[in-house]
Amino acid sequence: MKILKWFLFVIFSILSIISLVVVYLMYTNLSFIDYPYVISAIISALVAVMTYKYKLK
């Protein structure tokens, strides 16, 4: 179970970082924010924090 917890944490953290990079690139190159990527980054970050804080029994 501990491996699954860290696997999910890493996957959701990477998804959050990729989404934020896409938002940054879209804003710097085209001067607008693509909101589905912002929402995806926020949700992925929240799920990553929840999996990190989850206590195994």
PDB file of N, CA and C in Angstrom:
ATOM      1  N   MET A   1       0.812  -1.200   0.000  1.00  0.00           N
ATOM      2  CA  MET A   1       0.000   0.000   0.000  1.00  0.00           C
ATOM      3  C   MET A   1       0.855   1.264   0.000  1.00  0.00           C
ATOM      4  N   LYS A   2       2.012   1.194   0.652  1.00  0.00           N
ATOM      5  CA  LYS A   2       2.871   2.366   0.727  1.00  0.00           C
ATOM      6  C   LYS A   2       3.383   2.758  -0.656  1.00  0.00           C
ATOM      7  N   ILE A   3       3.665   1.745  -1.485  1.00  0.00           N
ATOM      8  CA  ILE A   3       4.137   2.014  -2.847  1.00  0.00           C
ATOM      9  C   ILE A   3       3.030   2.672  -3.661  1.00  0.00           C
ATOM     10  N   LEU A   4       1.800   2.209  -3.497  1.00  0.00           N
ATOM     11  CA  LEU A   4       0.663   2.791  -4.218  1.00  0.00           C
ATOM     12  C   LEU A   4       0.455   4.247  -3.813  1.00  0.00           C
ATOM     13  N   LYS A   5       0.604   4.533  -2.522  1.00  0.00           N
ATOM     14  CA  LYS A   5       0.448   5.908  -2.039  1.00  0.00           C
ATOM     15  C   LYS A   5       1.466   6.824  -2.704  1.00  0.00           C
ATOM     16  N   TRP A   6       2.728   6.424  -2.728  1.00  0.00           N
ATOM     17  CA  TRP A   6       3.766   7.266  -3.320  1.00  0.00           C
ATOM     18  C   TRP A   6       3.628   7.336  -4.840  1.00  0.00           C
ATOM     19  N   PHE A   7       3.192   6.243  -5.464  1.00  0.00           N
ATOM     20  CA  PHE A   7       2.966   6.248  -6.913  1.00  0.00           C
ATOM     21  C   PHE A   7       1.885   7.262  -7.278  1.00  0.00           C
ATOM     22  N   LEU A   8       0.761   7.245  -6.554  1.00  0.00           N
ATOM     23  CA  LEU A   8      -0.319   8.202  -6.820  1.00  0.00           C
ATOM     24  C   LEU A   8       0.127   9.633  -6.548  1.00  0.00           C
ATOM     25  N   PHE A   9       0.892   9.824  -5.475  1.00  0.00           N
ATOM     26  CA  PHE A   9       1.398  11.160  -5.164  1.00  0.00           C
ATOM     27  C   PHE A   9       2.284  11.688  -6.289  1.00  0.00           C
ATOM     28  N   VAL A  10       3.181  10.861  -6.792  1.00  0.00           N
ATOM     29  CA  VAL A  10       4.090  11.290  -7.861  1.00  0.00           C
ATOM     30  C   VAL A  10       3.318  11.558  -9.147  1.00  0.00           C
ATOM     31  N   ILE A  11       2.382  10.696  -9.495  1.00  0.00           N
ATOM     32  CA  ILE A  11       1.599  10.871 -10.728  1.00  0.00           C
ATOM     33  C   ILE A  11       0.802  12.173 -10.682  1.00  0.00           C
ATOM     34  N   PHE A  12       0.102  12.427  -9.583  1.00  0.00           N
ATOM     35  CA  PHE A  12      -0.707  13.640  -9.502  1.00  0.00           C
ATOM     36  C   PHE A  12       0.156  14.892  -9.402  1.00  0.00           C
ATOM     37  N   SER A  13       1.313  14.786  -8.793  1.00  0.00           N
ATOM     38  CA  SER A  13       2.227  15.934  -8.749  1.00  0.00           C
ATOM     39  C   SER A  13       2.747  16.263 -10.146  1.00  0.00           C
ATOM     40  N   ILE A  14       3.107  15.247 -10.901  1.00  0.00           N
ATOM     41  CA  ILE A  14       3.589  15.458 -12.270  1.00  0.00           C
ATOM     42  C   ILE A  14       2.484  16.045 -13.140  1.00  0.00           C
ATOM     43  N   LEU A  15       1.254  15.542 -12.991  1.00  0.00           N
ATOM     44  CA  LEU A  15       0.130  16.103 -13.752  1.00  0.00           C
ATOM     45  C   LEU A  15      -0.094  17.568 -13.415  1.00  0.00           C
ATOM     46  N   SER A  16       0.019  17.906 -12.169  1.00  0.00           N
ATOM     47  CA  SER A  16      -0.149  19.298 -11.760  1.00  0.00           C
ATOM     48  C   SER A  16       0.938  20.183 -12.348  1.00  0.00           C
ATOM     49  N   ILE A  17       2.169  19.730 -12.298  1.00  0.00           N
ATOM     50  CA  ILE A  17       3.279  20.514 -12.848  1.00  0.00           C
ATOM     51  C   ILE A  17       3.142  20.675 -14.356  1.00  0.00           C
ATOM     52  N   ILE A  18       2.767  19.624 -15.057  1.00  0.00           N
ATOM     53  CA  ILE A  18       2.593  19.709 -16.513  1.00  0.00           C
ATOM     54  C   ILE A  18       1.474  20.685 -16.863  1.00  0.00           C
ATOM     55  N   SER A  19       0.383  20.636 -16.118  1.00  0.00           N
ATOM     56  CA  SER A  19      -0.725  21.561 -16.376  1.00  0.00           C
ATOM     57  C   SER A  19      -0.310  23.008 -16.144  1.00  0.00           C
ATOM     58  N   LEU A  20       0.459  23.243 -15.091  1.00  0.00           N
ATOM     59  CA  LEU A  20       0.915  24.608 -14.825  1.00  0.00           C
ATOM     60  C   LEU A  20       1.909  25.083 -15.888  1.00  0.00           C
ATOM     61  N   VAL A  21       2.730  24.201 -16.409  1.00  0.00           N
ATOM     62  CA  VAL A  21       3.653  24.572 -17.483  1.00  0.00           C
ATOM     63  C   VAL A  21       2.877  24.939 -18.741  1.00  0.00           C
ATOM     64  N   VAL A  22       1.828  24.183 -19.047  1.00  0.00           N
ATOM     65  CA  VAL A  22       1.003  24.505 -20.216  1.00  0.00           C
ATOM     66  C   VAL A  22       0.338  25.862 -20.044  1.00  0.00           C
ATOM     67  N   VAL A  23      -0.172  26.133 -18.848  1.00  0.00           N
ATOM     68  CA  VAL A  23      -0.794  27.439 -18.586  1.00  0.00           C
ATOM     69  C   VAL A  23       0.233  28.555 -18.758  1.00  0.00           C
ATOM     70  N   TYR A  24       1.425  28.363 -18.231  1.00  0.00           N
ATOM     71  CA  TYR A  24       2.476  29.376 -18.360  1.00  0.00           C
ATOM     72  C   TYR A  24       2.842  29.615 -19.831  1.00  0.00           C
ATOM     73  N   LEU A  25       3.004  28.541 -20.577  1.00  0.00           N
ATOM     74  CA  LEU A  25       3.368  28.692 -21.995  1.00  0.00           C
ATOM     75  C   LEU A  25       2.257  29.362 -22.795  1.00  0.00           C
ATOM     76  N   MET A  26       1.007  29.002 -22.524  1.00  0.00           N
ATOM     77  CA  MET A  26      -0.106  29.631 -23.234  1.00  0.00           C
ATOM     78  C   MET A  26      -0.191  31.127 -22.901  1.00  0.00           C
ATOM     79  N   TYR A  27       0.035  31.466 -21.626  1.00  0.00           N
ATOM     80  CA  TYR A  27      -0.075  32.873 -21.232  1.00  0.00           C
ATOM     81  C   TYR A  27       1.071  33.704 -21.798  1.00  0.00           C
ATOM     82  N   THR A  28       2.289  33.161 -21.786  1.00  0.00           N
ATOM     83  CA  THR A  28       3.421  33.952 -22.273  1.00  0.00           C
ATOM     84  C   THR A  28       3.427  34.071 -23.792  1.00  0.00           C
ATOM     85  N   ASN A  29       2.958  33.065 -24.489  1.00  0.00           N
ATOM     86  CA  ASN A  29       3.004  33.100 -25.953  1.00  0.00           C
ATOM     87  C   ASN A  29       1.745  33.699 -26.581  1.00  0.00           C
ATOM     88  N   LEU A  30       0.593  33.459 -25.974  1.00  0.00           N
ATOM     89  CA  LEU A  30      -0.653  33.890 -26.596  1.00  0.00           C
ATOM     90  C   LEU A  30      -1.450  34.889 -25.759  1.00  0.00           C
ATOM     91  N   SER A  31      -0.988  35.213 -24.567  1.00  0.00           N
ATOM     92  CA  SER A  31      -1.603  36.206 -23.674  1.00  0.00           C
ATOM     93  C   SER A  31      -3.026  35.857 -23.248  1.00  0.00           C
ATOM     94  N   PHE A  32      -3.319  34.586 -23.085  1.00  0.00           N
ATOM     95  CA  PHE A  32      -4.575  34.199 -22.449  1.00  0.00           C
ATOM     96  C   PHE A  32      -4.351  32.924 -21.649  1.00  0.00           C
ATOM     97  N   ILE A  33      -5.234  32.711 -20.695  1.00  0.00           N
ATOM     98  CA  ILE A  33      -5.125  31.549 -19.817  1.00  0.00           C
ATOM     99  C   ILE A  33      -6.149  30.517 -20.252  1.00  0.00           C
ATOM    100  N   ASP A  34      -5.714  29.296 -20.402  1.00  0.00           N
ATOM    101  CA  ASP A  34      -6.600  28.193 -20.754  1.00  0.00           C
ATOM    102  C   ASP A  34      -7.116  27.577 -19.453  1.00  0.00           C
ATOM    103  N   TYR A  35      -8.347  27.911 -19.094  1.00  0.00           N
ATOM    104  CA  TYR A  35      -8.876  27.569 -17.780  1.00  0.00           C
ATOM    105  C   TYR A  35      -9.021  26.073 -17.490  1.00  0.00           C
ATOM    106  N   PRO A  36      -9.302  25.209 -18.463  1.00  0.00           N
ATOM    107  CA  PRO A  36      -9.333  23.777 -18.121  1.00  0.00           C
ATOM    108  C   PRO A  36      -7.999  23.264 -17.575  1.00  0.00           C
ATOM    109  N   TYR A  37      -6.896  23.808 -18.045  1.00  0.00           N
ATOM    110  CA  TYR A  37      -5.598  23.401 -17.508  1.00  0.00           C
ATOM    111  C   TYR A  37      -5.380  23.944 -16.095  1.00  0.00           C
ATOM    112  N   VAL A  38      -5.905  25.120 -15.800  1.00  0.00           N
ATOM    113  CA  VAL A  38      -5.805  25.669 -14.450  1.00  0.00           C
ATOM    114  C   VAL A  38      -6.610  24.804 -13.487  1.00  0.00           C
ATOM    115  N   ILE A  39      -7.806  24.442 -13.884  1.00  0.00           N
ATOM    116  CA  ILE A  39      -8.652  23.594 -13.046  1.00  0.00           C
ATOM    117  C   ILE A  39      -8.003  22.228 -12.856  1.00  0.00           C
ATOM    118  N   SER A  40      -7.439  21.683 -13.922  1.00  0.00           N
ATOM    119  CA  SER A  40      -6.747  20.394 -13.836  1.00  0.00           C
ATOM    120  C   SER A  40      -5.560  20.467 -12.878  1.00  0.00           C
ATOM    121  N   ALA A  41      -4.814  21.557 -12.917  1.00  0.00           N
ATOM    122  CA  ALA A  41      -3.663  21.719 -12.033  1.00  0.00           C
ATOM    123  C   ALA A  41      -4.104  21.810 -10.575  1.00  0.00           C
ATOM    124  N   ILE A  42      -5.163  22.544 -10.314  1.00  0.00           N
ATOM    125  CA  ILE A  42      -5.647  22.690  -8.941  1.00  0.00           C
ATOM    126  C   ILE A  42      -6.156  21.364  -8.397  1.00  0.00           C
ATOM    127  N   ILE A  43      -6.943  20.658  -9.190  1.00  0.00           N
ATOM    128  CA  ILE A  43      -7.482  19.370  -8.746  1.00  0.00           C
ATOM    129  C   ILE A  43      -6.367  18.356  -8.546  1.00  0.00           C
ATOM    130  N   SER A  44      -5.406  18.309  -9.464  1.00  0.00           N
ATOM    131  CA  SER A  44      -4.291  17.381  -9.322  1.00  0.00           C
ATOM    132  C   SER A  44      -3.452  17.690  -8.094  1.00  0.00           C
ATOM    133  N   ALA A  45      -3.240  18.957  -7.823  1.00  0.00           N
ATOM    134  CA  ALA A  45      -2.474  19.343  -6.634  1.00  0.00           C
ATOM    135  C   ALA A  45      -3.226  18.963  -5.358  1.00  0.00           C
ATOM    136  N   LEU A  46      -4.529  19.168  -5.333  1.00  0.00           N
ATOM    137  CA  LEU A  46      -5.311  18.796  -4.156  1.00  0.00           C
ATOM    138  C   LEU A  46      -5.304  17.287  -3.924  1.00  0.00           C
ATOM    139  N   VAL A  47      -5.436  16.522  -4.989  1.00  0.00           N
ATOM    140  CA  VAL A  47      -5.409  15.060  -4.851  1.00  0.00           C
ATOM    141  C   VAL A  47      -4.018  14.594  -4.421  1.00  0.00           C
ATOM    142  N   ALA A  48      -2.976  15.235  -4.917  1.00  0.00           N
ATOM    143  CA  ALA A  48      -1.616  14.877  -4.507  1.00  0.00           C
ATOM    144  C   ALA A  48      -1.414  15.156  -3.022  1.00  0.00           C
ATOM    145  N   VAL A  49      -1.917  16.283  -2.542  1.00  0.00           N
ATOM    146  CA  VAL A  49      -1.799  16.602  -1.114  1.00  0.00           C
ATOM    147  C   VAL A  49      -2.614  15.627  -0.274  1.00  0.00           C
ATOM    148  N   MET A  50      -3.797  15.271  -0.745  1.00  0.00           N
ATOM    149  CA  MET A  50      -4.626  14.316  -0.005  1.00  0.00           C
ATOM    150  C   MET A  50      -3.958  12.945   0.067  1.00  0.00           C
ATOM    151  N   THR A  51      -3.342  12.498  -1.016  1.00  0.00           N
ATOM    152  CA  THR A  51      -2.665  11.201  -0.965  1.00  0.00           C
ATOM    153  C   THR A  51      -1.421  11.257  -0.096  1.00  0.00           C
ATOM    154  N   TYR A  52      -0.755  12.405  -0.057  1.00  0.00           N
ATOM    155  CA  TYR A  52       0.420  12.549   0.806  1.00  0.00           C
ATOM    156  C   TYR A  52       0.034  12.534   2.281  1.00  0.00           C
ATOM    157  N   LYS A  53      -1.084  13.158   2.609  1.00  0.00           N
ATOM    158  CA  LYS A  53      -1.530  13.254   4.004  1.00  0.00           C
ATOM    159  C   LYS A  53      -2.252  11.990   4.490  1.00  0.00           C
ATOM    160  N   TYR A  54      -2.624  11.088   3.566  1.00  0.00           N
ATOM    161  CA  TYR A  54      -3.375   9.890   3.929  1.00  0.00           C
ATOM    162  C   TYR A  54      -2.551   8.984   4.842  1.00  0.00           C
ATOM    163  N   LYS A  55      -3.130   8.607   5.965  1.00  0.00           N
ATOM    164  CA  LYS A  55      -2.443   7.749   6.930  1.00  0.00           C
ATOM    165  C   LYS A  55      -2.769   6.280   6.640  1.00  0.00           C
ATOM    166  N   LEU A  56      -1.730   5.478   6.492  1.00  0.00           N
ATOM    167  CA  LEU A  56      -1.919   4.046   6.308  1.00  0.00           C
ATOM    168  C   LEU A  56      -2.064   3.371   7.661  1.00  0.00           C
ATOM    169  N   LYS A  57      -2.876   2.356   7.685  1.00  0.00           N
ATOM    170  CA  LYS A  57      -3.103   1.642   8.965  1.00  0.00           C
ATOM    171  C   LYS A  57      -2.226   0.420   9.066  1.00  0.00           C
TER     172      LYS A  57
END
